[in-house]
Amino acid sequence: MRRITAELLVVRKRWSTWILLAVWVALGVMFGYLLPYLTYQGGSTPPQALLGLLPQSLTDNVLGGFPVFGGVIALIVGVLAIGSDYGWDTLKTILTQRSGRMRMLGAKLAALAIILTAFAGALFAGGAAASYLIATFESAPVSWQSPAEVGLALAAGWFVLAVWAGLGVMLAVLSRGTALAIGLGVLYGLVVETLLSAIAGQVSFLQSAAEYSLRANAYSLVAALGVPAQALADNGPGGFSGPFVGTGHALTVLTSYLVVAAILAAATLSRRDIA
């Protein structure tokens, strides 16, 4: 427990974590609420578009940003969680003065899980504040979703972030640093998987491959919780039109990504020379 607390203190003092959190919330509120509301005010969208910006649609509106935009940010947080120790050459000192490698990695992963809870909660809080302000400006009724609905959506959002962060930890350990790991992670998340989803419908064997991609399963998970497919398709650079898979399939594949990433990171860290 003391090791986890120590890792949390390190993360809390890392300015990059706070910048990523601020960027994540700002982008979520801007693209999820501010720009759609300005479009609505300009008359470019039908009157019923306002319903998607009110508190009654909080989870549907917020969850759409987790699979790609939030995922890439979580990947960077995961890379920094352990990659920074390679970059600053402090990993040898940590392992010399404290516990073994697996205990150190476990503490970092536990601290990372707590930090991701803050990331997920912050976006839901920002979305709730923005939706309430819009409802106030429009004199619309404020009807909040049940705590169970919000809690389930929050858990799903956290899980998606955790999978991406696990990928970031694995890349950081494999590359022994941050720059290459972030570059590869962003390339995979924003380019490779985007192209795979775009051409999956044109090539039969890519259709099956796409159904096991991180992007397709993350989007399928949030879609199962009520996020409209049209909203996901219109999600800018992160837009997704399919293929969608079943909820059980999505949970299994995402869990497999997380487990494999953790195992590879642990195996590499335990066997490879730190120097």
Protein backbone atom coordinates (compact mmCIF):
# COMPACT_ATOMS: atom_id res chain seq x y z
CA MET A 1 0.00 0.00 0.00
CA ARG A 2 2.84 2.37 0.79
CA ARG A 3 4.37 1.63 -2.59
CA ILE A 4 1.09 2.50 -4.34
CA THR A 5 0.85 5.71 -2.32
CA ALA A 6 4.39 6.61 -3.32
CA GLU A 7 3.56 6.07 -6.99
CA LEU A 8 0.46 8.25 -6.67
CA LEU A 9 2.55 11.03 -5.15
CA VAL A 10 4.96 10.81 -8.07
CA VAL A 11 2.10 11.03 -10.57
CA ARG A 12 0.52 13.91 -8.68
CA LYS A 13 3.73 15.93 -8.96
CA ARG A 14 4.12 15.17 -12.67
CA TRP A 15 2.87 18.24 -14.55
CA SER A 16 2.27 16.24 -17.73
CA THR A 17 -0.49 14.25 -16.01
CA TRP A 18 -2.39 17.40 -15.08
CA ILE A 19 -1.96 18.83 -18.58
CA LEU A 20 -3.33 15.64 -20.12
CA LEU A 21 -6.27 15.69 -17.70
CA ALA A 22 -7.05 19.31 -18.54
CA VAL A 23 -6.77 18.66 -22.28
CA TRP A 24 -8.99 15.57 -21.99
CA VAL A 25 -11.77 17.40 -20.17
CA ALA A 26 -11.49 20.52 -22.36
CA LEU A 27 -11.71 18.49 -25.57
CA GLY A 28 -14.58 16.40 -24.23
CA VAL A 29 -16.63 19.44 -23.26
CA MET A 30 -15.77 21.33 -26.44
CA PHE A 31 -16.62 18.59 -28.92
CA GLY A 32 -19.34 16.99 -26.85
CA TYR A 33 -21.21 20.11 -25.78
CA LEU A 34 -19.88 23.53 -26.81
CA LEU A 35 -19.58 23.03 -30.58
CA PRO A 36 -22.85 21.04 -30.90
CA TYR A 37 -24.64 23.71 -28.87
CA LEU A 38 -23.26 26.54 -31.03
CA THR A 39 -24.34 24.57 -34.11
CA TYR A 40 -27.80 24.19 -32.60
CA GLN A 41 -27.96 27.91 -31.85
CA GLY A 42 -27.03 28.66 -35.43
CA GLY A 43 -29.98 26.65 -36.68
CA SER A 44 -27.86 24.06 -38.47
CA THR A 45 -29.37 21.17 -36.55
CA PRO A 46 -33.01 20.27 -35.84
CA PRO A 47 -34.59 21.37 -32.54
CA GLN A 48 -34.55 17.81 -31.16
CA ALA A 49 -30.74 17.92 -31.26
CA LEU A 50 -30.92 19.85 -27.99
CA LEU A 51 -32.12 16.71 -26.21
CA GLY A 52 -28.74 15.09 -26.68
CA LEU A 53 -27.06 17.95 -24.82
CA LEU A 54 -29.27 17.83 -21.71
CA PRO A 55 -28.52 15.99 -18.45
CA GLN A 56 -30.88 13.16 -19.43
CA SER A 57 -28.39 12.16 -22.18
CA LEU A 58 -25.20 12.56 -20.14
CA THR A 59 -23.83 9.04 -20.55
CA ASP A 60 -24.74 8.78 -24.24
CA ASN A 61 -22.96 12.02 -24.99
CA VAL A 62 -19.85 11.53 -22.84
CA LEU A 63 -19.08 7.87 -23.58
CA GLY A 64 -18.57 8.44 -27.29
CA GLY A 65 -15.23 10.15 -26.64
CA PHE A 66 -13.65 7.29 -24.69
CA PRO A 67 -12.80 4.66 -27.35
CA VAL A 68 -10.33 6.76 -29.37
CA PHE A 69 -9.69 10.27 -28.03
CA GLY A 70 -9.70 9.21 -24.38
CA GLY A 71 -7.92 6.02 -25.34
CA VAL A 72 -4.97 7.83 -26.90
CA ILE A 73 -4.65 10.10 -23.87
CA ALA A 74 -4.82 7.08 -21.55
CA LEU A 75 -2.12 5.40 -23.65
CA ILE A 76 0.15 8.40 -23.12
CA VAL A 77 -0.54 8.32 -19.37
CA GLY A 78 0.33 4.62 -19.36
CA VAL A 79 3.58 5.26 -21.22
CA LEU A 80 4.58 8.02 -18.81
CA ALA A 81 3.79 5.85 -15.79
CA ILE A 82 6.86 3.69 -16.39
CA GLY A 83 8.57 5.08 -19.48
CA SER A 84 9.62 8.21 -17.61
CA ASP A 85 11.70 6.09 -15.23
CA TYR A 86 13.65 4.79 -18.22
CA GLY A 87 14.07 8.28 -19.62
CA TRP A 88 15.22 9.77 -16.31
CA ASP A 89 17.36 6.70 -15.59
CA THR A 90 15.69 6.32 -12.19
CA LEU A 91 14.42 2.76 -12.62
CA LYS A 92 17.68 1.20 -11.39
CA THR A 93 17.57 3.40 -8.30
CA ILE A 94 13.96 2.44 -7.57
CA LEU A 95 14.70 -1.28 -7.87
CA THR A 96 17.87 -0.99 -5.78
CA GLN A 97 16.34 0.89 -2.88
CA ARG A 98 12.88 -0.66 -2.79
CA SER A 99 11.01 -3.84 -3.67
CA GLY A 100 11.46 -6.20 -6.61
CA ARG A 101 10.45 -5.65 -10.19
CA MET A 102 7.03 -7.28 -10.11
CA ARG A 103 6.03 -5.50 -6.93
CA MET A 104 7.15 -2.21 -8.43
CA LEU A 105 5.21 -2.87 -11.63
CA GLY A 106 2.13 -3.93 -9.66
CA ALA A 107 2.25 -0.71 -7.64
CA LYS A 108 2.56 1.36 -10.81
CA LEU A 109 -0.40 -0.42 -12.40
CA ALA A 110 -2.52 0.04 -9.26
CA ALA A 111 -1.65 3.74 -9.11
CA LEU A 112 -2.41 4.02 -12.82
CA ALA A 113 -5.85 2.44 -12.28
CA ILE A 114 -6.62 5.06 -9.62
CA ILE A 115 -5.45 7.89 -11.86
CA LEU A 116 -7.65 6.65 -14.71
CA THR A 117 -10.63 6.72 -12.35
CA ALA A 118 -9.95 10.43 -11.92
CA PHE A 119 -9.72 10.88 -15.70
CA ALA A 120 -13.03 9.11 -16.31
CA GLY A 121 -14.78 10.89 -13.44
CA ALA A 122 -13.46 14.30 -14.50
CA LEU A 123 -14.98 14.01 -17.97
CA PHE A 124 -18.33 12.91 -16.57
CA ALA A 125 -18.22 15.83 -14.13
CA GLY A 126 -17.36 18.25 -16.94
CA GLY A 127 -20.15 16.84 -19.08
CA ALA A 128 -22.64 17.10 -16.22
CA ALA A 129 -21.70 20.75 -15.62
CA ALA A 130 -21.93 21.60 -19.33
CA SER A 131 -25.30 19.85 -19.76
CA TYR A 132 -26.70 21.60 -16.70
CA LEU A 133 -25.59 25.00 -17.99
CA ILE A 134 -27.16 24.32 -21.39
CA ALA A 135 -30.41 23.23 -19.75
CA THR A 136 -30.38 26.41 -17.67
CA PHE A 137 -29.75 28.67 -20.67
CA GLU A 138 -32.51 26.97 -22.65
CA SER A 139 -34.91 26.83 -19.68
CA ALA A 140 -35.20 23.10 -20.32
CA PRO A 141 -36.17 20.60 -17.61
CA VAL A 142 -33.25 19.04 -15.76
CA SER A 143 -33.71 15.28 -15.51
CA TRP A 144 -30.63 13.36 -14.39
CA GLN A 145 -30.02 9.72 -15.18
CA SER A 146 -30.08 7.21 -12.33
CA PRO A 147 -26.87 6.61 -10.33
CA ALA A 148 -26.84 3.02 -11.61
CA GLU A 149 -26.80 4.16 -15.24
CA VAL A 150 -24.07 6.71 -14.62
CA GLY A 151 -22.05 4.24 -12.55
CA LEU A 152 -22.21 1.58 -15.26
CA ALA A 153 -21.19 4.08 -17.93
CA LEU A 154 -18.35 5.35 -15.74
CA ALA A 155 -17.11 1.79 -15.23
CA ALA A 156 -17.23 1.12 -18.98
CA GLY A 157 -15.35 4.33 -19.72
CA TRP A 158 -12.70 3.49 -17.11
CA PHE A 159 -12.30 0.00 -18.56
CA VAL A 160 -11.71 1.35 -22.06
CA LEU A 161 -9.09 3.77 -20.70
CA ALA A 162 -7.45 0.96 -18.74
CA VAL A 163 -7.03 -1.17 -21.86
CA TRP A 164 -5.38 1.68 -23.74
CA ALA A 165 -3.19 2.53 -20.74
CA GLY A 166 -2.12 -1.12 -20.50
CA LEU A 167 -1.02 -0.94 -24.12
CA GLY A 168 0.97 2.18 -23.26
CA VAL A 169 2.72 0.46 -20.33
CA MET A 170 3.65 -2.48 -22.55
CA LEU A 171 5.06 -0.23 -25.29
CA ALA A 172 7.05 1.77 -22.72
CA VAL A 173 8.64 -1.36 -21.27
CA LEU A 174 9.39 -2.86 -24.69
CA SER A 175 10.94 0.38 -26.01
CA ARG A 176 12.56 1.42 -22.69
CA GLY A 177 11.33 4.98 -22.96
CA THR A 178 8.52 7.35 -23.85
CA ALA A 179 9.04 8.91 -27.28
CA LEU A 180 8.98 5.75 -29.38
CA ALA A 181 6.22 4.21 -27.26
CA ILE A 182 3.95 7.24 -27.65
CA GLY A 183 4.70 7.46 -31.36
CA LEU A 184 3.87 3.81 -31.98
CA GLY A 185 0.77 3.96 -29.79
CA VAL A 186 -0.67 7.05 -31.46
CA LEU A 187 0.18 5.64 -34.91
CA TYR A 188 -1.64 2.43 -34.08
CA GLY A 189 -4.64 4.09 -32.46
CA LEU A 190 -5.26 6.90 -34.91
CA VAL A 191 -3.92 5.51 -38.18
CA VAL A 192 -3.70 1.72 -38.30
CA GLU A 193 -7.02 0.96 -36.62
CA THR A 194 -8.77 3.80 -38.47
CA LEU A 195 -7.64 2.43 -41.83
CA LEU A 196 -8.55 -1.11 -40.79
CA SER A 197 -12.09 -0.04 -39.91
CA ALA A 198 -12.42 2.04 -43.08
CA ILE A 199 -11.54 -0.75 -45.51
CA ALA A 200 -12.87 -3.72 -43.54
CA GLY A 201 -16.11 -3.75 -45.50
CA GLN A 202 -14.25 -3.97 -48.81
CA VAL A 203 -11.96 -6.92 -48.02
CA SER A 204 -13.52 -10.02 -46.50
CA PHE A 205 -10.63 -11.20 -44.32
CA LEU A 206 -10.14 -7.69 -42.94
CA GLN A 207 -13.74 -7.75 -41.75
CA SER A 208 -12.89 -10.55 -39.32
CA ALA A 209 -9.66 -8.83 -38.29
CA ALA A 210 -11.50 -5.58 -37.59
CA GLU A 211 -13.89 -7.38 -35.25
CA TYR A 212 -10.92 -8.09 -32.98
CA SER A 213 -9.46 -4.59 -33.10
CA LEU A 214 -9.35 -2.47 -30.00
CA ARG A 215 -11.29 0.32 -31.68
CA ALA A 216 -14.22 -1.85 -32.85
CA ASN A 217 -14.64 -3.57 -29.49
CA ALA A 218 -14.37 -0.35 -27.48
CA TYR A 219 -16.99 1.33 -29.66
CA SER A 220 -19.21 -1.76 -29.48
CA LEU A 221 -19.05 -1.65 -25.69
CA VAL A 222 -20.18 1.98 -25.43
CA ALA A 223 -22.81 1.41 -28.14
CA ALA A 224 -24.25 -1.41 -26.02
CA LEU A 225 -24.76 1.13 -23.23
CA GLY A 226 -26.93 3.34 -25.41
CA VAL A 227 -24.61 5.61 -27.38
CA PRO A 228 -26.37 6.08 -30.77
CA ALA A 229 -24.55 4.59 -33.75
CA GLN A 230 -25.09 7.82 -35.70
CA ALA A 231 -23.35 9.80 -32.96
CA LEU A 232 -20.36 7.47 -33.18
CA ALA A 233 -20.24 7.76 -36.96
CA ASP A 234 -20.25 11.58 -36.72
CA ASN A 235 -17.47 11.62 -34.09
CA GLY A 236 -15.02 13.56 -36.26
CA PRO A 237 -11.60 11.90 -36.75
CA GLY A 238 -12.71 9.25 -34.28
CA GLY A 239 -15.85 8.43 -36.24
CA PHE A 240 -16.80 4.76 -36.38
CA SER A 241 -19.43 3.08 -38.54
CA GLY A 242 -18.64 -0.54 -37.82
CA PRO A 243 -18.21 -3.40 -37.63
CA PHE A 244 -19.97 -3.67 -34.27
CA VAL A 245 -19.77 -6.84 -32.19
CA GLY A 246 -21.74 -8.26 -29.27
CA THR A 247 -21.18 -7.07 -25.71
CA GLY A 248 -19.73 -10.40 -24.58
CA HIS A 249 -17.36 -10.44 -27.53
CA ALA A 250 -16.25 -6.86 -26.80
CA LEU A 251 -15.61 -7.54 -23.10
CA THR A 252 -13.65 -10.71 -23.90
CA VAL A 253 -11.46 -9.08 -26.53
CA LEU A 254 -10.77 -5.94 -24.46
CA THR A 255 -9.92 -8.05 -21.40
CA SER A 256 -7.57 -10.12 -23.56
CA TYR A 257 -5.81 -6.95 -24.74
CA LEU A 258 -5.36 -5.83 -21.14
CA VAL A 259 -4.12 -9.21 -19.87
CA VAL A 260 -1.72 -9.78 -22.76
CA ALA A 261 -0.28 -6.27 -22.41
CA ALA A 262 0.27 -6.77 -18.66
CA ILE A 263 1.87 -10.19 -19.16
CA LEU A 264 4.22 -8.97 -21.88
CA ALA A 265 5.24 -5.95 -19.80
CA ALA A 266 5.84 -8.12 -16.72
CA ALA A 267 7.74 -10.81 -18.63
CA THR A 268 9.97 -8.27 -20.37
CA LEU A 269 10.66 -6.30 -17.20
CA SER A 270 11.48 -9.41 -15.18
CA ARG A 271 13.89 -10.95 -17.69
CA ARG A 272 15.64 -8.04 -19.34
CA ASP A 273 18.62 -6.17 -17.93
CA ILE A 274 17.62 -2.67 -16.78
CA ALA A 275 20.96 -1.13 -17.70
